Amino acid sequence: LGSSSSEATDAVESSMHEDVMHMNTALVRRVRELEVQVATSTPTVSEEHAVYIEEQLMGTREALKHTKQQWVAAVAAKKEALACTAAAHEELARMQEVFESMQKGATKPHDEDEHVDWMEDTVVHPAPPGWIAAVSLWMLMMFQMKVLLMIVLLAVVAWAEDLYEILGASSGATSQDLKRIYRKLSLKYHPDKVASEERDSAQAKFLKIANAYRVLSDPARREKYDLYGIADDEGFKNFDEAFKHARDSVEDTPLNWIILIIIVSASVGPILYFKFKAKPKAVNNARREV
């Protein structure tokens, strides 16, 4: 009984610990993401939107702080519960021995003195005081913290922008579809392609597009995002990092080589044509003079 109860408790603890750690990590990433957004706010960003981001950052920080405090309290409760549980297991083991002795004693002759001794041996000692309450408190605190983190994560997911909406793609888009959409949008919102007064907003849009594609183009990150609704990545911190990634992500496919050859031929071909066309004329003129 004690072994099965301990195994069940360990299984519940392990599951809760894994969930809490994962959600806590997601909250930390969200705090960093919001800090980057606040630090890189440009004059083109409306004051209302800037205040909205700062409120999200403050709320997420407070939630993260509260969950850490809850976790420390839960660990303390766990230590107390383990101490009480160890004492309870010892008592259960003693009771098991008494029960086995009762079964053996039932087959013995009913001698009066032996009967008295048998009764004295089967006195049940009370369990350590408070151990049930300690175990219950620990499990309750773990459950409350898990529920709190789930609520906070739902709020964070509601605040965060949808990565599929940023790219204008469906959740069922293939990797090739995402790559095609990303290249099209990165060209459209490249700062060199827009007017100077729109350059800051274009950089901000380009950064969002690059961060969204960075998550959705990675199968493992995309799977976690589809499951939890939070990007498992800190993202690019500025436009230069995003642009470098966009430039490096272009693959040397046969189509790219064909396009490059066509461009080079179109630019160099006319020069070579006129250069070689002028040579025969010069030779003919020299012969006539001779």
C-alpha atoms as a PDB file:
ATOM      1  CA  LEU A   1       0.000   0.000   0.000  1.00  0.00           C
ATOM      2  CA  GLY A   2       2.761   2.421   0.974  1.00  0.00           C
ATOM      3  CA  SER A   3       4.784   1.610  -2.158  1.00  0.00           C
ATOM      4  CA  SER A   4       1.861   2.113  -4.563  1.00  0.00           C
ATOM      5  CA  SER A   5       0.877   5.366  -2.829  1.00  0.00           C
ATOM      6  CA  SER A   6       4.454   6.647  -3.062  1.00  0.00           C
ATOM      7  CA  GLU A   7       4.696   5.743  -6.746  1.00  0.00           C
ATOM      8  CA  ALA A   8       1.409   7.513  -7.500  1.00  0.00           C
ATOM      9  CA  THR A   9       2.570  10.614  -5.619  1.00  0.00           C
ATOM     10  CA  ASP A  10       5.914  10.614  -7.456  1.00  0.00           C
ATOM     11  CA  ALA A  11       4.124  10.319 -10.810  1.00  0.00           C
ATOM     12  CA  VAL A  12       1.834  13.260 -10.035  1.00  0.00           C
ATOM     13  CA  GLU A  13       4.773  15.326  -8.781  1.00  0.00           C
ATOM     14  CA  SER A  14       6.858  14.558 -11.870  1.00  0.00           C
ATOM     15  CA  SER A  15       4.008  15.518 -14.212  1.00  0.00           C
ATOM     16  CA  MET A  16       3.278  18.753 -12.359  1.00  0.00           C
ATOM     17  CA  HIS A  17       6.973  19.651 -12.129  1.00  0.00           C
ATOM     18  CA  GLU A  18       7.446  19.179 -15.877  1.00  0.00           C
ATOM     19  CA  ASP A  19       4.383  21.281 -16.722  1.00  0.00           C
ATOM     20  CA  VAL A  20       5.333  24.028 -14.275  1.00  0.00           C
ATOM     21  CA  MET A  21       8.906  24.223 -15.563  1.00  0.00           C
ATOM     22  CA  HIS A  22       7.798  24.395 -19.185  1.00  0.00           C
ATOM     23  CA  MET A  23       5.206  27.086 -18.545  1.00  0.00           C
ATOM     24  CA  ASN A  24       7.655  29.030 -16.380  1.00  0.00           C
ATOM     25  CA  THR A  25      10.206  28.954 -19.213  1.00  0.00           C
ATOM     26  CA  ALA A  26       7.569  30.179 -21.652  1.00  0.00           C
ATOM     27  CA  LEU A  27       6.768  33.111 -19.343  1.00  0.00           C
ATOM     28  CA  VAL A  28      10.462  34.020 -19.100  1.00  0.00           C
ATOM     29  CA  ARG A  29      10.725  34.069 -22.901  1.00  0.00           C
ATOM     30  CA  ARG A  30       7.613  36.235 -23.123  1.00  0.00           C
ATOM     31  CA  VAL A  31       9.119  38.727 -20.651  1.00  0.00           C
ATOM     32  CA  ARG A  32      12.301  38.949 -22.752  1.00  0.00           C
ATOM     33  CA  GLU A  33      10.281  39.381 -25.931  1.00  0.00           C
ATOM     34  CA  LEU A  34       8.271  42.229 -24.390  1.00  0.00           C
ATOM     35  CA  GLU A  35      11.467  43.843 -23.061  1.00  0.00           C
ATOM     36  CA  VAL A  36      12.895  43.835 -26.586  1.00  0.00           C
ATOM     37  CA  GLN A  37       9.696  45.391 -27.962  1.00  0.00           C
ATOM     38  CA  VAL A  38       9.808  48.134 -25.334  1.00  0.00           C
ATOM     39  CA  ALA A  39      13.522  48.795 -25.934  1.00  0.00           C
ATOM     40  CA  THR A  40      13.156  48.943 -29.723  1.00  0.00           C
ATOM     41  CA  SER A  41      10.028  51.116 -29.784  1.00  0.00           C
ATOM     42  CA  THR A  42      10.291  53.751 -32.524  1.00  0.00           C
ATOM     43  CA  PRO A  43       8.648  57.181 -32.773  1.00  0.00           C
ATOM     44  CA  THR A  44       6.265  55.758 -35.355  1.00  0.00           C
ATOM     45  CA  VAL A  45       4.758  53.437 -32.739  1.00  0.00           C
ATOM     46  CA  SER A  46       1.639  54.981 -31.233  1.00  0.00           C
ATOM     47  CA  GLU A  47       1.729  55.980 -27.580  1.00  0.00           C
ATOM     48  CA  GLU A  48      -1.301  53.814 -26.874  1.00  0.00           C
ATOM     49  CA  HIS A  49       0.421  50.726 -28.297  1.00  0.00           C
ATOM     50  CA  ALA A  50       3.614  51.461 -26.325  1.00  0.00           C
ATOM     51  CA  VAL A  51       1.620  51.733 -23.088  1.00  0.00           C
ATOM     52  CA  TYR A  52      -0.187  48.498 -23.970  1.00  0.00           C
ATOM     53  CA  ILE A  53       3.138  46.643 -24.389  1.00  0.00           C
ATOM     54  CA  GLU A  54       4.492  48.039 -21.104  1.00  0.00           C
ATOM     55  CA  GLU A  55       1.336  46.916 -19.278  1.00  0.00           C
ATOM     56  CA  GLN A  56       1.763  43.414 -20.712  1.00  0.00           C
ATOM     57  CA  LEU A  57       5.407  43.405 -19.582  1.00  0.00           C
ATOM     58  CA  MET A  58       4.555  44.508 -16.031  1.00  0.00           C
ATOM     59  CA  GLY A  59       1.692  42.017 -15.734  1.00  0.00           C
ATOM     60  CA  THR A  60       3.799  39.123 -17.002  1.00  0.00           C
ATOM     61  CA  ARG A  61       6.653  40.027 -14.642  1.00  0.00           C
ATOM     62  CA  GLU A  62       4.296  40.067 -11.670  1.00  0.00           C
ATOM     63  CA  ALA A  63       2.812  36.710 -12.673  1.00  0.00           C
ATOM     64  CA  LEU A  64       6.283  35.215 -13.044  1.00  0.00           C
ATOM     65  CA  LYS A  65       7.326  36.597  -9.643  1.00  0.00           C
ATOM     66  CA  HIS A  66       4.196  35.189  -8.006  1.00  0.00           C
ATOM     67  CA  THR A  67       4.681  31.740  -9.535  1.00  0.00           C
ATOM     68  CA  LYS A  68       8.288  31.661  -8.303  1.00  0.00           C
ATOM     69  CA  GLN A  69       7.114  32.473  -4.777  1.00  0.00           C
ATOM     70  CA  GLN A  70       4.492  29.740  -5.040  1.00  0.00           C
ATOM     71  CA  TRP A  71       7.135  27.293  -6.216  1.00  0.00           C
ATOM     72  CA  VAL A  72       9.420  28.069  -3.247  1.00  0.00           C
ATOM     73  CA  ALA A  73       6.495  27.584  -0.850  1.00  0.00           C
ATOM     74  CA  ALA A  74       5.567  24.320  -2.585  1.00  0.00           C
ATOM     75  CA  VAL A  75       9.134  23.009  -2.237  1.00  0.00           C
ATOM     76  CA  ALA A  76       9.085  23.804   1.503  1.00  0.00           C
ATOM     77  CA  ALA A  77       5.734  22.046   1.865  1.00  0.00           C
ATOM     78  CA  LYS A  78       7.116  19.085  -0.057  1.00  0.00           C
ATOM     79  CA  LYS A  79      10.055  18.697   2.342  1.00  0.00           C
ATOM     80  CA  GLU A  80       7.703  18.722   5.324  1.00  0.00           C
ATOM     81  CA  ALA A  81       5.380  16.266   3.594  1.00  0.00           C
ATOM     82  CA  LEU A  82       8.246  13.902   2.766  1.00  0.00           C
ATOM     83  CA  ALA A  83       9.406  13.892   6.383  1.00  0.00           C
ATOM     84  CA  CYS A  84       5.888  13.108   7.602  1.00  0.00           C
ATOM     85  CA  THR A  85       5.366  10.549   4.851  1.00  0.00           C
ATOM     86  CA  ALA A  86       8.549   8.684   5.797  1.00  0.00           C
ATOM     87  CA  ALA A  87       7.298   8.377   9.372  1.00  0.00           C
ATOM     88  CA  ALA A  88       3.891   7.264   8.092  1.00  0.00           C
ATOM     89  CA  HIS A  89       5.508   4.589   5.913  1.00  0.00           C
ATOM     90  CA  GLU A  90       7.335   3.233   8.953  1.00  0.00           C
ATOM     91  CA  GLU A  91       4.051   3.024  10.842  1.00  0.00           C
ATOM     92  CA  LEU A  92       2.375   1.301   7.890  1.00  0.00           C
ATOM     93  CA  ALA A  93       5.203  -1.228   7.747  1.00  0.00           C
ATOM     94  CA  ARG A  94       4.817  -1.910  11.480  1.00  0.00           C
ATOM     95  CA  MET A  95       1.063  -2.354  11.031  1.00  0.00           C
ATOM     96  CA  GLN A  96       1.738  -4.778   8.173  1.00  0.00           C
ATOM     97  CA  GLU A  97       3.939  -6.863  10.453  1.00  0.00           C
ATOM     98  CA  VAL A  98       1.211  -6.837  13.114  1.00  0.00           C
ATOM     99  CA  PHE A  99      -1.371  -7.938  10.550  1.00  0.00           C
ATOM    100  CA  GLU A 100       0.837 -10.825   9.431  1.00  0.00           C
ATOM    101  CA  SER A 101       1.371 -11.854  13.035  1.00  0.00           C
ATOM    102  CA  MET A 102      -2.412 -11.798  13.524  1.00  0.00           C
ATOM    103  CA  GLN A 103      -2.821 -14.202  10.607  1.00  0.00           C
ATOM    104  CA  LYS A 104      -0.199 -16.537  12.034  1.00  0.00           C
ATOM    105  CA  GLY A 105      -1.702 -16.273  15.543  1.00  0.00           C
ATOM    106  CA  ALA A 106      -5.123 -17.342  14.273  1.00  0.00           C
ATOM    107  CA  THR A 107      -3.793 -20.884  13.673  1.00  0.00           C
ATOM    108  CA  LYS A 108      -2.309 -21.241  17.156  1.00  0.00           C
ATOM    109  CA  PRO A 109      -4.149 -22.781  20.141  1.00  0.00           C
ATOM    110  CA  HIS A 110      -6.116 -20.239  22.129  1.00  0.00           C
ATOM    111  CA  ASP A 111      -4.036 -20.080  25.269  1.00  0.00           C
ATOM    112  CA  GLU A 112      -5.118 -17.338  27.656  1.00  0.00           C
ATOM    113  CA  ASP A 113      -1.617 -15.986  28.311  1.00  0.00           C
ATOM    114  CA  GLU A 114      -0.690 -16.130  24.657  1.00  0.00           C
ATOM    115  CA  HIS A 115      -3.932 -14.407  23.773  1.00  0.00           C
ATOM    116  CA  VAL A 116      -3.087 -11.542  26.105  1.00  0.00           C
ATOM    117  CA  ASP A 117       0.399 -11.210  24.637  1.00  0.00           C
ATOM    118  CA  TRP A 118      -1.048 -11.270  21.131  1.00  0.00           C
ATOM    119  CA  MET A 119      -3.460  -8.459  21.992  1.00  0.00           C
ATOM    120  CA  GLU A 120      -0.636  -6.394  23.439  1.00  0.00           C
ATOM    121  CA  ASP A 121       1.398  -6.855  20.246  1.00  0.00           C
ATOM    122  CA  THR A 122      -1.433  -5.616  18.045  1.00  0.00           C
ATOM    123  CA  VAL A 123      -1.817  -2.197  19.644  1.00  0.00           C
ATOM    124  CA  VAL A 124      -1.910   0.267  16.723  1.00  0.00           C
ATOM    125  CA  HIS A 125       0.237   3.341  17.278  1.00  0.00           C
ATOM    126  CA  PRO A 126      -1.202   6.588  15.899  1.00  0.00           C
ATOM    127  CA  ALA A 127       0.322   8.070  12.739  1.00  0.00           C
ATOM    128  CA  PRO A 128       2.571  11.140  13.115  1.00  0.00           C
ATOM    129  CA  PRO A 129       0.392  14.211  13.658  1.00  0.00           C
ATOM    130  CA  GLY A 130      -0.128  16.472  10.665  1.00  0.00           C
ATOM    131  CA  TRP A 131       1.359  14.245   7.978  1.00  0.00           C
ATOM    132  CA  ILE A 132      -1.899  13.919   6.048  1.00  0.00           C
ATOM    133  CA  ALA A 133      -2.409  17.696   6.204  1.00  0.00           C
ATOM    134  CA  ALA A 134       1.188  18.296   5.060  1.00  0.00           C
ATOM    135  CA  VAL A 135       0.859  15.991   2.066  1.00  0.00           C
ATOM    136  CA  SER A 136      -2.515  17.489   1.158  1.00  0.00           C
ATOM    137  CA  LEU A 137      -1.154  21.045   1.418  1.00  0.00           C
ATOM    138  CA  TRP A 138       1.804  20.230  -0.786  1.00  0.00           C
ATOM    139  CA  MET A 139      -0.340  18.615  -3.496  1.00  0.00           C
ATOM    140  CA  LEU A 140      -2.859  21.467  -3.294  1.00  0.00           C
ATOM    141  CA  MET A 141      -0.150  24.109  -3.716  1.00  0.00           C
ATOM    142  CA  MET A 142       1.298  22.282  -6.722  1.00  0.00           C
ATOM    143  CA  PHE A 143      -2.140  22.086  -8.309  1.00  0.00           C
ATOM    144  CA  GLN A 144      -2.908  25.754  -7.587  1.00  0.00           C
ATOM    145  CA  MET A 145       0.386  26.843  -9.126  1.00  0.00           C
ATOM    146  CA  LYS A 146      -0.269  24.775 -12.239  1.00  0.00           C
ATOM    147  CA  VAL A 147      -3.745  26.298 -12.628  1.00  0.00           C
ATOM    148  CA  LEU A 148      -2.355  29.814 -12.089  1.00  0.00           C
ATOM    149  CA  LEU A 149       0.327  29.321 -14.718  1.00  0.00           C
ATOM    150  CA  MET A 150      -2.227  27.990 -17.189  1.00  0.00           C
ATOM    151  CA  ILE A 151      -4.408  31.082 -16.650  1.00  0.00           C
ATOM    152  CA  VAL A 152      -1.426  33.408 -17.104  1.00  0.00           C
ATOM    153  CA  LEU A 153      -0.347  31.576 -20.248  1.00  0.00           C
ATOM    154  CA  LEU A 154      -3.842  31.849 -21.695  1.00  0.00           C
ATOM    155  CA  ALA A 155      -3.727  35.599 -21.079  1.00  0.00           C
ATOM    156  CA  VAL A 156      -0.278  35.851 -22.680  1.00  0.00           C
ATOM    157  CA  VAL A 157      -1.457  33.886 -25.712  1.00  0.00           C
ATOM    158  CA  ALA A 158      -4.466  36.205 -26.007  1.00  0.00           C
ATOM    159  CA  TRP A 159      -2.186  39.268 -25.934  1.00  0.00           C
ATOM    160  CA  ALA A 160       0.445  37.902 -28.324  1.00  0.00           C
ATOM    161  CA  GLU A 161       0.129  38.287 -32.082  1.00  0.00           C
ATOM    162  CA  ASP A 162      -0.627  35.181 -34.112  1.00  0.00           C
ATOM    163  CA  LEU A 163       2.466  34.182 -36.118  1.00  0.00           C
ATOM    164  CA  TYR A 164       0.349  32.737 -38.913  1.00  0.00           C
ATOM    165  CA  GLU A 165      -1.566  36.023 -39.196  1.00  0.00           C
ATOM    166  CA  ILE A 166       1.707  37.976 -39.366  1.00  0.00           C
ATOM    167  CA  LEU A 167       2.733  35.935 -42.414  1.00  0.00           C
ATOM    168  CA  GLY A 168      -0.795  35.784 -43.793  1.00  0.00           C
ATOM    169  CA  ALA A 169      -0.610  31.989 -43.910  1.00  0.00           C
ATOM    170  CA  SER A 170      -2.942  29.266 -42.723  1.00  0.00           C
ATOM    171  CA  SER A 171      -2.046  26.942 -39.862  1.00  0.00           C
ATOM    172  CA  GLY A 172      -1.879  24.073 -42.351  1.00  0.00           C
ATOM    173  CA  ALA A 173       0.645  25.762 -44.661  1.00  0.00           C
ATOM    174  CA  THR A 174       3.585  23.614 -45.754  1.00  0.00           C
ATOM    175  CA  SER A 175       7.222  24.592 -45.297  1.00  0.00           C
ATOM    176  CA  GLN A 176       7.457  25.514 -48.995  1.00  0.00           C
ATOM    177  CA  ASP A 177       4.362  27.714 -48.709  1.00  0.00           C
ATOM    178  CA  LEU A 178       5.840  29.496 -45.697  1.00  0.00           C
ATOM    179  CA  LYS A 179       9.164  29.992 -47.471  1.00  0.00           C
ATOM    180  CA  ARG A 180       7.457  31.490 -50.539  1.00  0.00           C
ATOM    181  CA  ILE A 181       5.322  33.825 -48.401  1.00  0.00           C
ATOM    182  CA  TYR A 182       8.335  34.857 -46.324  1.00  0.00           C
ATOM    183  CA  ARG A 183      10.418  35.794 -49.382  1.00  0.00           C
ATOM    184  CA  LYS A 184       7.560  37.808 -50.832  1.00  0.00           C
ATOM    185  CA  LEU A 185       6.924  39.725 -47.596  1.00  0.00           C
ATOM    186  CA  SER A 186      10.620  40.306 -46.876  1.00  0.00           C
ATOM    187  CA  LEU A 187      10.964  41.988 -50.274  1.00  0.00           C
ATOM    188  CA  LYS A 188       7.766  43.985 -49.818  1.00  0.00           C
ATOM    189  CA  TYR A 189       8.694  45.393 -46.401  1.00  0.00           C
ATOM    190  CA  HIS A 190      12.426  45.789 -46.935  1.00  0.00           C
ATOM    191  CA  PRO A 191      13.359  49.345 -45.819  1.00  0.00           C
ATOM    192  CA  ASP A 192      15.137  50.033 -49.126  1.00  0.00           C
ATOM    193  CA  LYS A 193      11.860  49.398 -50.983  1.00  0.00           C
ATOM    194  CA  VAL A 194       9.801  52.029 -49.126  1.00  0.00           C
ATOM    195  CA  ALA A 195       9.874  55.786 -48.684  1.00  0.00           C
ATOM    196  CA  SER A 196      12.216  57.267 -46.078  1.00  0.00           C
ATOM    197  CA  GLU A 197       9.351  58.351 -43.790  1.00  0.00           C
ATOM    198  CA  GLU A 198       8.036  54.767 -43.730  1.00  0.00           C
ATOM    199  CA  ARG A 199      11.410  53.126 -43.124  1.00  0.00           C
ATOM    200  CA  ASP A 200      11.060  52.714 -39.335  1.00  0.00           C
ATOM    201  CA  SER A 201       7.647  51.079 -39.578  1.00  0.00           C
ATOM    202  CA  ALA A 202       8.925  48.854 -42.415  1.00  0.00           C
ATOM    203  CA  GLN A 203      11.845  47.708 -40.246  1.00  0.00           C
ATOM    204  CA  ALA A 204       9.462  46.864 -37.395  1.00  0.00           C
ATOM    205  CA  LYS A 205       7.217  44.914 -39.783  1.00  0.00           C
ATOM    206  CA  PHE A 206      10.229  43.159 -41.333  1.00  0.00           C
ATOM    207  CA  LEU A 207      11.421  42.146 -37.843  1.00  0.00           C
ATOM    208  CA  LYS A 208       8.006  40.655 -36.979  1.00  0.00           C
ATOM    209  CA  ILE A 209       7.920  38.720 -40.249  1.00  0.00           C
ATOM    210  CA  ALA A 210      11.440  37.354 -39.712  1.00  0.00           C
ATOM    211  CA  ASN A 211      10.690  36.278 -36.132  1.00  0.00           C
ATOM    212  CA  ALA A 212       7.445  34.600 -37.186  1.00  0.00           C
ATOM    213  CA  TYR A 213       9.163  32.694 -40.003  1.00  0.00           C
ATOM    214  CA  ARG A 214      12.044  31.717 -37.710  1.00  0.00           C
ATOM    215  CA  VAL A 215       9.616  29.872 -35.424  1.00  0.00           C
ATOM    216  CA  LEU A 216       7.283  28.390 -38.036  1.00  0.00           C
ATOM    217  CA  SER A 217      10.094  27.210 -40.337  1.00  0.00           C
ATOM    218  CA  ASP A 218      11.541  25.024 -37.575  1.00  0.00           C
ATOM    219  CA  PRO A 219       9.435  21.840 -37.152  1.00  0.00           C
ATOM    220  CA  ALA A 220      10.166  21.470 -33.416  1.00  0.00           C
ATOM    221  CA  ARG A 221       9.451  25.129 -32.616  1.00  0.00           C
ATOM    222  CA  ARG A 222       6.343  25.106 -34.780  1.00  0.00           C
ATOM    223  CA  GLU A 223       5.002  22.014 -32.993  1.00  0.00           C
ATOM    224  CA  LYS A 224       5.459  23.689 -29.588  1.00  0.00           C
ATOM    225  CA  TYR A 225       3.883  26.918 -30.864  1.00  0.00           C
ATOM    226  CA  ASP A 226       0.845  25.049 -32.203  1.00  0.00           C
ATOM    227  CA  LEU A 227       0.537  23.277 -28.841  1.00  0.00           C
ATOM    228  CA  TYR A 228       1.088  26.141 -26.393  1.00  0.00           C
ATOM    229  CA  GLY A 229       0.522  29.261 -28.525  1.00  0.00           C
ATOM    230  CA  ILE A 230       3.836  30.791 -27.421  1.00  0.00           C
ATOM    231  CA  ALA A 231       6.972  31.009 -29.544  1.00  0.00           C
ATOM    232  CA  ASP A 232       9.765  28.819 -28.193  1.00  0.00           C
ATOM    233  CA  ASP A 233      12.377  31.326 -29.322  1.00  0.00           C
ATOM    234  CA  GLU A 234      13.669  34.731 -28.213  1.00  0.00           C
ATOM    235  CA  GLY A 235      13.670  35.986 -31.821  1.00  0.00           C
ATOM    236  CA  PHE A 236      15.851  38.533 -33.576  1.00  0.00           C
ATOM    237  CA  LYS A 237      16.669  41.584 -31.461  1.00  0.00           C
ATOM    238  CA  ASN A 238      17.045  44.081 -34.320  1.00  0.00           C
ATOM    239  CA  PHE A 239      16.650  44.568 -38.066  1.00  0.00           C
ATOM    240  CA  ASP A 240      20.313  43.763 -38.870  1.00  0.00           C
ATOM    241  CA  GLU A 241      20.020  40.250 -37.413  1.00  0.00           C
ATOM    242  CA  ALA A 242      16.739  39.652 -39.221  1.00  0.00           C
ATOM    243  CA  PHE A 243      18.137  40.917 -42.542  1.00  0.00           C
ATOM    244  CA  LYS A 244      21.267  38.748 -42.237  1.00  0.00           C
ATOM    245  CA  HIS A 245      19.076  35.689 -41.619  1.00  0.00           C
ATOM    246  CA  ALA A 246      16.880  36.566 -44.601  1.00  0.00           C
ATOM    247  CA  ARG A 247      19.935  36.923 -46.817  1.00  0.00           C
ATOM    248  CA  ASP A 248      21.538  33.689 -45.608  1.00  0.00           C
ATOM    249  CA  SER A 249      18.293  31.727 -45.933  1.00  0.00           C
ATOM    250  CA  VAL A 250      18.276  32.023 -49.731  1.00  0.00           C
ATOM    251  CA  GLU A 251      19.293  28.619 -51.104  1.00  0.00           C
ATOM    252  CA  ASP A 252      21.443  28.044 -54.200  1.00  0.00           C
ATOM    253  CA  THR A 253      18.761  26.209 -56.146  1.00  0.00           C
ATOM    254  CA  PRO A 254      19.048  25.572 -59.918  1.00  0.00           C
ATOM    255  CA  LEU A 255      16.391  28.216 -60.509  1.00  0.00           C
ATOM    256  CA  ASN A 256      18.474  30.801 -58.646  1.00  0.00           C
ATOM    257  CA  TRP A 257      21.504  29.955 -60.800  1.00  0.00           C
ATOM    258  CA  ILE A 258      19.472  30.263 -63.997  1.00  0.00           C
ATOM    259  CA  ILE A 259      18.184  33.684 -62.926  1.00  0.00           C
ATOM    260  CA  LEU A 260      21.726  34.787 -62.065  1.00  0.00           C
ATOM    261  CA  ILE A 261      23.072  33.668 -65.467  1.00  0.00           C
ATOM    262  CA  ILE A 262      20.253  35.496 -67.267  1.00  0.00           C
ATOM    263  CA  ILE A 263      20.955  38.709 -65.344  1.00  0.00           C
ATOM    264  CA  VAL A 264      24.703  38.519 -66.016  1.00  0.00           C
ATOM    265  CA  SER A 265      24.138  37.733 -69.694  1.00  0.00           C
ATOM    266  CA  ALA A 266      21.701  40.614 -70.064  1.00  0.00           C
ATOM    267  CA  SER A 267      24.194  43.069 -68.592  1.00  0.00           C
ATOM    268  CA  VAL A 268      27.467  41.791 -70.102  1.00  0.00           C
ATOM    269  CA  GLY A 269      26.148  40.560 -73.473  1.00  0.00           C
ATOM    270  CA  PRO A 270      25.554  43.981 -75.108  1.00  0.00           C
ATOM    271  CA  ILE A 271      29.002  45.195 -74.017  1.00  0.00           C
ATOM    272  CA  LEU A 272      30.755  42.219 -75.600  1.00  0.00           C
ATOM    273  CA  TYR A 273      28.625  42.523 -78.731  1.00  0.00           C
ATOM    274  CA  PHE A 274      29.547  46.156 -79.422  1.00  0.00           C
ATOM    275  CA  LYS A 275      33.179  45.526 -78.477  1.00  0.00           C
ATOM    276  CA  PHE A 276      33.665  42.720 -80.991  1.00  0.00           C
ATOM    277  CA  LYS A 277      31.570  44.487 -83.627  1.00  0.00           C
ATOM    278  CA  ALA A 278      33.898  47.484 -83.561  1.00  0.00           C
ATOM    279  CA  LYS A 279      37.041  45.381 -84.226  1.00  0.00           C
ATOM    280  CA  PRO A 280      36.298  44.341 -87.850  1.00  0.00           C
ATOM    281  CA  LYS A 281      35.603  47.968 -88.755  1.00  0.00           C
ATOM    282  CA  ALA A 282      38.968  49.048 -87.384  1.00  0.00           C
ATOM    283  CA  VAL A 283      40.780  46.291 -89.322  1.00  0.00           C
ATOM    284  CA  ASN A 284      39.036  47.185 -92.609  1.00  0.00           C
ATOM    285  CA  ASN A 285      39.896  50.860 -92.200  1.00  0.00           C
ATOM    286  CA  ALA A 286      43.551  49.990 -91.609  1.00  0.00           C
ATOM    287  CA  ARG A 287      43.663  47.852 -94.755  1.00  0.00           C
ATOM    288  CA  ARG A 288      42.191  50.631 -96.860  1.00  0.00           C
ATOM    289  CA  GLU A 289      44.795  53.077 -95.637  1.00  0.00           C
ATOM    290  CA  VAL A 290      47.571  50.651 -96.573  1.00  0.00           C
END
